[in-house]
C-alpha atoms as a PDB file:
ATOM      1  CA  UNK A   1     -49.940 -37.081 -41.607  1.00  0.00           C
ATOM      2  CA  UNK A   2     -48.848 -39.212 -38.729  1.00  0.00           C
ATOM      3  CA  UNK A   3     -49.806 -38.833 -35.118  1.00  0.00           C
ATOM      4  CA  UNK A   4     -46.780 -36.604 -34.476  1.00  0.00           C
ATOM      5  CA  UNK A   5     -47.455 -34.209 -37.364  1.00  0.00           C
ATOM      6  CA  UNK A   6     -44.776 -35.588 -39.775  1.00  0.00           C
ATOM      7  CA  UNK A   7     -45.380 -36.818 -43.317  1.00  0.00           C
ATOM      8  CA  UNK A   8     -44.690 -40.514 -43.965  1.00  0.00           C
ATOM      9  CA  UNK A   9     -42.365 -40.628 -47.034  1.00  0.00           C
ATOM     10  CA  UNK A  10     -42.262 -44.420 -47.465  1.00  0.00           C
ATOM     11  CA  UNK A  11     -45.317 -44.641 -49.783  1.00  0.00           C
ATOM     12  CA  UNK A  12     -43.993 -41.710 -51.840  1.00  0.00           C
ATOM     13  CA  UNK A  13     -40.604 -43.397 -52.302  1.00  0.00           C
ATOM     14  CA  UNK A  14     -42.337 -46.663 -53.269  1.00  0.00           C
ATOM     15  CA  UNK A  15     -44.406 -44.917 -55.945  1.00  0.00           C
ATOM     16  CA  UNK A  16     -41.396 -43.012 -57.350  1.00  0.00           C
ATOM     17  CA  UNK A  17     -39.339 -46.215 -57.502  1.00  0.00           C
ATOM     18  CA  UNK A  18     -42.133 -47.951 -59.428  1.00  0.00           C
ATOM     19  CA  UNK A  19     -42.416 -45.028 -61.862  1.00  0.00           C
ATOM     20  CA  UNK A  20     -38.659 -45.001 -62.529  1.00  0.00           C
ATOM     21  CA  UNK A  21     -38.589 -48.794 -62.993  1.00  0.00           C
ATOM     22  CA  UNK A  22     -41.489 -48.864 -65.479  1.00  0.00           C
ATOM     23  CA  UNK A  23     -40.241 -45.823 -67.364  1.00  0.00           C
ATOM     24  CA  UNK A  24     -36.849 -47.488 -67.851  1.00  0.00           C
ATOM     25  CA  UNK A  25     -38.584 -50.598 -69.175  1.00  0.00           C
ATOM     26  CA  UNK A  26     -40.665 -48.641 -71.682  1.00  0.00           C
ATOM     27  CA  UNK A  27     -37.872 -46.520 -73.217  1.00  0.00           C
ATOM     28  CA  UNK A  28     -37.481 -47.396 -76.907  1.00  0.00           C
ATOM     29  CA  UNK A  29     -35.989 -46.043 -80.072  1.00  0.00           C
ATOM     30  CA  UNK A  30     -33.913 -42.891 -79.953  1.00  0.00           C
ATOM     31  CA  UNK A  31     -34.167 -42.579 -76.185  1.00  0.00           C
ATOM     32  CA  UNK A  32     -32.689 -46.044 -75.625  1.00  0.00           C
ATOM     33  CA  UNK A  33     -30.052 -45.462 -78.307  1.00  0.00           C
ATOM     34  CA  UNK A  34     -29.083 -42.191 -76.654  1.00  0.00           C
ATOM     35  CA  UNK A  35     -28.689 -43.989 -73.334  1.00  0.00           C
ATOM     36  CA  UNK A  36     -26.447 -46.727 -74.773  1.00  0.00           C
ATOM     37  CA  UNK A  37     -24.565 -44.852 -77.529  1.00  0.00           C
ATOM     38  CA  UNK A  38     -20.875 -44.150 -77.132  1.00  0.00           C
ATOM     39  CA  UNK A  39     -18.936 -41.532 -79.034  1.00  0.00           C
ATOM     40  CA  UNK A  40     -15.705 -43.301 -79.931  1.00  0.00           C
ATOM     41  CA  UNK A  41     -12.962 -41.769 -81.992  1.00  0.00           C
ATOM     42  CA  UNK A  42     -10.041 -43.815 -83.245  1.00  0.00           C
ATOM     43  CA  UNK A  43      -6.508 -42.494 -83.234  1.00  0.00           C
ATOM     44  CA  UNK A  44      -5.141 -41.358 -86.610  1.00  0.00           C
ATOM     45  CA  UNK A  45      -3.143 -43.848 -88.640  1.00  0.00           C
ATOM     46  CA  UNK A  46       0.169 -43.111 -90.277  1.00  0.00           C
ATOM     47  CA  UNK A  47       1.068 -44.867 -93.519  1.00  0.00           C
ATOM     48  CA  UNK A  48       4.773 -45.162 -94.099  1.00  0.00           C
ATOM     49  CA  UNK A  49       6.378 -45.716 -97.487  1.00  0.00           C
ATOM     50  CA  UNK A  50       7.385 -49.393 -96.964  1.00  0.00           C
ATOM     51  CA  UNK A  51       3.849 -50.431 -96.019  1.00  0.00           C
ATOM     52  CA  UNK A  52       2.312 -48.603 -98.977  1.00  0.00           C
ATOM     53  CA  UNK A  53       4.520 -50.444-101.533  1.00  0.00           C
ATOM     54  CA  UNK A  54       3.340 -53.975-100.717  1.00  0.00           C
ATOM     55  CA  UNK A  55       2.263 -56.500-103.288  1.00  0.00           C
ATOM     56  CA  UNK A  56      -1.498 -56.374-104.021  1.00  0.00           C
ATOM     57  CA  UNK A  57      -1.635 -60.190-104.033  1.00  0.00           C
ATOM     58  CA  UNK A  58      -0.500 -60.236-100.402  1.00  0.00           C
ATOM     59  CA  UNK A  59      -3.043 -57.577 -99.386  1.00  0.00           C
ATOM     60  CA  UNK A  60      -6.027 -59.390-100.872  1.00  0.00           C
ATOM     61  CA  UNK A  61      -8.696 -59.999 -98.242  1.00  0.00           C
ATOM     62  CA  UNK A  62     -10.548 -63.245 -98.681  1.00  0.00           C
ATOM     63  CA  UNK A  63     -14.053 -64.200 -97.763  1.00  0.00           C
ATOM     64  CA  UNK A  64     -13.301 -67.673 -96.425  1.00  0.00           C
ATOM     65  CA  UNK A  65     -16.059 -70.097 -95.412  1.00  0.00           C
ATOM     66  CA  UNK A  66     -16.140 -73.646 -94.077  1.00  0.00           C
ATOM     67  CA  UNK A  67     -19.509 -75.326 -94.498  1.00  0.00           C
ATOM     68  CA  UNK A  68     -20.231 -78.349 -92.326  1.00  0.00           C
ATOM     69  CA  UNK A  69     -22.767 -80.865 -93.608  1.00  0.00           C
ATOM     70  CA  UNK A  70     -23.796 -84.140 -91.997  1.00  0.00           C
ATOM     71  CA  UNK A  71     -21.366 -86.113 -94.177  1.00  0.00           C
ATOM     72  CA  UNK A  72     -18.820 -83.644 -95.576  1.00  0.00           C
ATOM     73  CA  UNK A  73     -16.931 -80.395 -95.180  1.00  0.00           C
ATOM     74  CA  UNK A  74     -16.780 -77.768 -97.908  1.00  0.00           C
ATOM     75  CA  UNK A  75     -14.154 -75.015 -97.946  1.00  0.00           C
ATOM     76  CA  UNK A  76     -14.790 -71.992-100.188  1.00  0.00           C
ATOM     77  CA  UNK A  77     -13.137 -68.643-100.619  1.00  0.00           C
ATOM     78  CA  UNK A  78     -13.659 -65.581-102.765  1.00  0.00           C
ATOM     79  CA  UNK A  79     -10.779 -66.411-105.108  1.00  0.00           C
ATOM     80  CA  UNK A  80     -12.859 -69.250-106.526  1.00  0.00           C
ATOM     81  CA  UNK A  81     -11.416 -72.185-104.619  1.00  0.00           C
ATOM     82  CA  UNK A  82     -14.022 -74.736-103.567  1.00  0.00           C
ATOM     83  CA  UNK A  83     -12.993 -78.066-102.116  1.00  0.00           C
ATOM     84  CA  UNK A  84     -15.001 -80.826-100.478  1.00  0.00           C
ATOM     85  CA  UNK A  85     -13.716 -83.176 -97.808  1.00  0.00           C
ATOM     86  CA  UNK A  86     -15.741 -86.348 -97.308  1.00  0.00           C
ATOM     87  CA  UNK A  87     -16.746 -87.333 -93.779  1.00  0.00           C
ATOM     88  CA  UNK A  88     -16.343 -85.685 -90.382  1.00  0.00           C
ATOM     89  CA  UNK A  89     -13.906 -88.117 -88.752  1.00  0.00           C
ATOM     90  CA  UNK A  90     -10.325 -87.570 -87.597  1.00  0.00           C
ATOM     91  CA  UNK A  91      -8.907 -88.072 -91.111  1.00  0.00           C
ATOM     92  CA  UNK A  92     -11.280 -85.459 -92.494  1.00  0.00           C
ATOM     93  CA  UNK A  93     -10.263 -83.037 -89.756  1.00  0.00           C
ATOM     94  CA  UNK A  94      -6.598 -83.647 -90.628  1.00  0.00           C
ATOM     95  CA  UNK A  95      -7.349 -82.895 -94.292  1.00  0.00           C
ATOM     96  CA  UNK A  96      -9.207 -79.747 -93.261  1.00  0.00           C
ATOM     97  CA  UNK A  97      -6.280 -78.622 -91.128  1.00  0.00           C
ATOM     98  CA  UNK A  98      -3.795 -79.224 -93.970  1.00  0.00           C
ATOM     99  CA  UNK A  99      -5.970 -77.353 -96.480  1.00  0.00           C
ATOM    100  CA  UNK A 100      -6.487 -74.412 -94.139  1.00  0.00           C
ATOM    101  CA  UNK A 101      -2.720 -74.264 -93.490  1.00  0.00           C
ATOM    102  CA  UNK A 102      -2.176 -73.933 -97.246  1.00  0.00           C
ATOM    103  CA  UNK A 103      -4.721 -71.110 -97.491  1.00  0.00           C
ATOM    104  CA  UNK A 104      -3.222 -69.422 -94.416  1.00  0.00           C
ATOM    105  CA  UNK A 105       0.300 -69.686 -95.889  1.00  0.00           C
ATOM    106  CA  UNK A 106      -0.817 -68.197 -99.200  1.00  0.00           C
ATOM    107  CA  UNK A 107      -2.760 -65.342 -97.549  1.00  0.00           C
ATOM    108  CA  UNK A 108      -1.082 -64.737 -94.160  1.00  0.00           C
ATOM    109  CA  UNK A 109      -2.881 -61.428 -93.538  1.00  0.00           C
ATOM    110  CA  UNK A 110      -6.287 -63.150 -93.563  1.00  0.00           C
ATOM    111  CA  UNK A 111      -7.116 -64.503 -90.132  1.00  0.00           C
ATOM    112  CA  UNK A 112     -10.909 -64.565 -90.557  1.00  0.00           C
ATOM    113  CA  UNK A 113     -13.056 -67.554 -91.414  1.00  0.00           C
ATOM    114  CA  UNK A 114     -16.807 -68.161 -91.347  1.00  0.00           C
ATOM    115  CA  UNK A 115     -18.076 -71.570 -90.185  1.00  0.00           C
ATOM    116  CA  UNK A 116     -21.602 -72.468 -91.353  1.00  0.00           C
ATOM    117  CA  UNK A 117     -23.014 -75.745 -89.988  1.00  0.00           C
ATOM    118  CA  UNK A 118     -26.269 -77.277 -91.205  1.00  0.00           C
ATOM    119  CA  UNK A 119     -29.051 -78.266 -88.823  1.00  0.00           C
ATOM    120  CA  UNK A 120     -28.146 -81.968 -88.909  1.00  0.00           C
ATOM    121  CA  UNK A 121     -24.551 -81.485 -87.699  1.00  0.00           C
ATOM    122  CA  UNK A 122     -23.804 -82.411 -84.093  1.00  0.00           C
ATOM    123  CA  UNK A 123     -22.352 -79.881 -81.706  1.00  0.00           C
ATOM    124  CA  UNK A 124     -19.207 -82.011 -81.266  1.00  0.00           C
ATOM    125  CA  UNK A 125     -18.435 -81.879 -84.994  1.00  0.00           C
ATOM    126  CA  UNK A 126     -18.733 -78.086 -85.005  1.00  0.00           C
ATOM    127  CA  UNK A 127     -16.377 -77.875 -82.009  1.00  0.00           C
ATOM    128  CA  UNK A 128     -13.827 -80.153 -83.732  1.00  0.00           C
ATOM    129  CA  UNK A 129     -13.822 -77.877 -86.797  1.00  0.00           C
ATOM    130  CA  UNK A 130     -13.457 -74.762 -84.634  1.00  0.00           C
ATOM    131  CA  UNK A 131     -10.554 -76.336 -82.733  1.00  0.00           C
ATOM    132  CA  UNK A 132      -8.741 -77.239 -85.966  1.00  0.00           C
ATOM    133  CA  UNK A 133      -9.179 -73.718 -87.337  1.00  0.00           C
ATOM    134  CA  UNK A 134      -7.771 -72.270 -84.137  1.00  0.00           C
ATOM    135  CA  UNK A 135      -4.768 -74.616 -84.342  1.00  0.00           C
ATOM    136  CA  UNK A 136      -4.015 -73.352 -87.858  1.00  0.00           C
ATOM    137  CA  UNK A 137      -3.943 -69.768 -86.596  1.00  0.00           C
ATOM    138  CA  UNK A 138      -7.285 -68.265 -87.538  1.00  0.00           C
ATOM    139  CA  UNK A 139      -8.158 -65.666 -84.897  1.00  0.00           C
ATOM    140  CA  UNK A 140     -11.363 -64.246 -86.380  1.00  0.00           C
ATOM    141  CA  UNK A 141     -13.593 -67.310 -86.409  1.00  0.00           C
ATOM    142  CA  UNK A 142     -17.290 -66.536 -86.878  1.00  0.00           C
ATOM    143  CA  UNK A 143     -20.160 -68.967 -86.576  1.00  0.00           C
ATOM    144  CA  UNK A 144     -22.861 -68.408 -89.177  1.00  0.00           C
ATOM    145  CA  UNK A 145     -26.287 -69.849 -89.792  1.00  0.00           C
ATOM    146  CA  UNK A 146     -28.644 -70.116 -92.679  1.00  0.00           C
ATOM    147  CA  UNK A 147     -32.402 -70.480 -92.737  1.00  0.00           C
ATOM    148  CA  UNK A 148     -33.788 -74.000 -92.901  1.00  0.00           C
ATOM    149  CA  UNK A 149     -34.251 -75.151 -96.455  1.00  0.00           C
ATOM    150  CA  UNK A 150     -32.223 -72.232 -97.852  1.00  0.00           C
ATOM    151  CA  UNK A 151     -29.756 -73.094-100.579  1.00  0.00           C
ATOM    152  CA  UNK A 152     -26.034 -72.527-100.128  1.00  0.00           C
ATOM    153  CA  UNK A 153     -24.584 -69.266-101.456  1.00  0.00           C
ATOM    154  CA  UNK A 154     -23.497 -69.670-105.080  1.00  0.00           C
ATOM    155  CA  UNK A 155     -19.818 -69.102-105.829  1.00  0.00           C
ATOM    156  CA  UNK A 156     -20.625 -65.997-107.943  1.00  0.00           C
ATOM    157  CA  UNK A 157     -22.358 -64.306-104.981  1.00  0.00           C
ATOM    158  CA  UNK A 158     -19.492 -65.339-102.682  1.00  0.00           C
ATOM    159  CA  UNK A 159     -17.006 -63.684-105.052  1.00  0.00           C
ATOM    160  CA  UNK A 160     -19.137 -60.535-105.265  1.00  0.00           C
ATOM    161  CA  UNK A 161     -19.395 -60.368-101.470  1.00  0.00           C
ATOM    162  CA  UNK A 162     -15.620 -60.671-101.196  1.00  0.00           C
ATOM    163  CA  UNK A 163     -15.178 -57.576-103.352  1.00  0.00           C
ATOM    164  CA  UNK A 164     -17.430 -55.535-101.059  1.00  0.00           C
ATOM    165  CA  UNK A 165     -15.335 -56.327 -98.041  1.00  0.00           C
END
């Protein structure tokens, strides 16, 4: 009570603000998921006859990866192709661009590629590879990592992962 007989609400508002702030910080699990979940529904798709009669070879989705090592580039995809390009200089980037153009021409529906640099690769080399892939026309470029000391994915596992996609 104040001298005039009114209640001072400032301390009450301060305490309620603190309670709301700390309760928002401590929400976890289903409560947080319920706060951030969105119910999205996609529009229905209509398949017409011409699009259903396409060649299966053209509809094949590849798992395409470009591995960047300190001294070489390695391009792999789920159809079994594996090619190494020595060095990371301008000539190597030109070879990478030409190879990726060939893959893009053979599988035009595939615009996704995974780039996996090792720990020793400089940031500039990664950027040069990403720029070349963008020039070729790859829109879905992902940057991947692997644990230190972990071996590269064998070609058999890469092929199996491509089938699951």
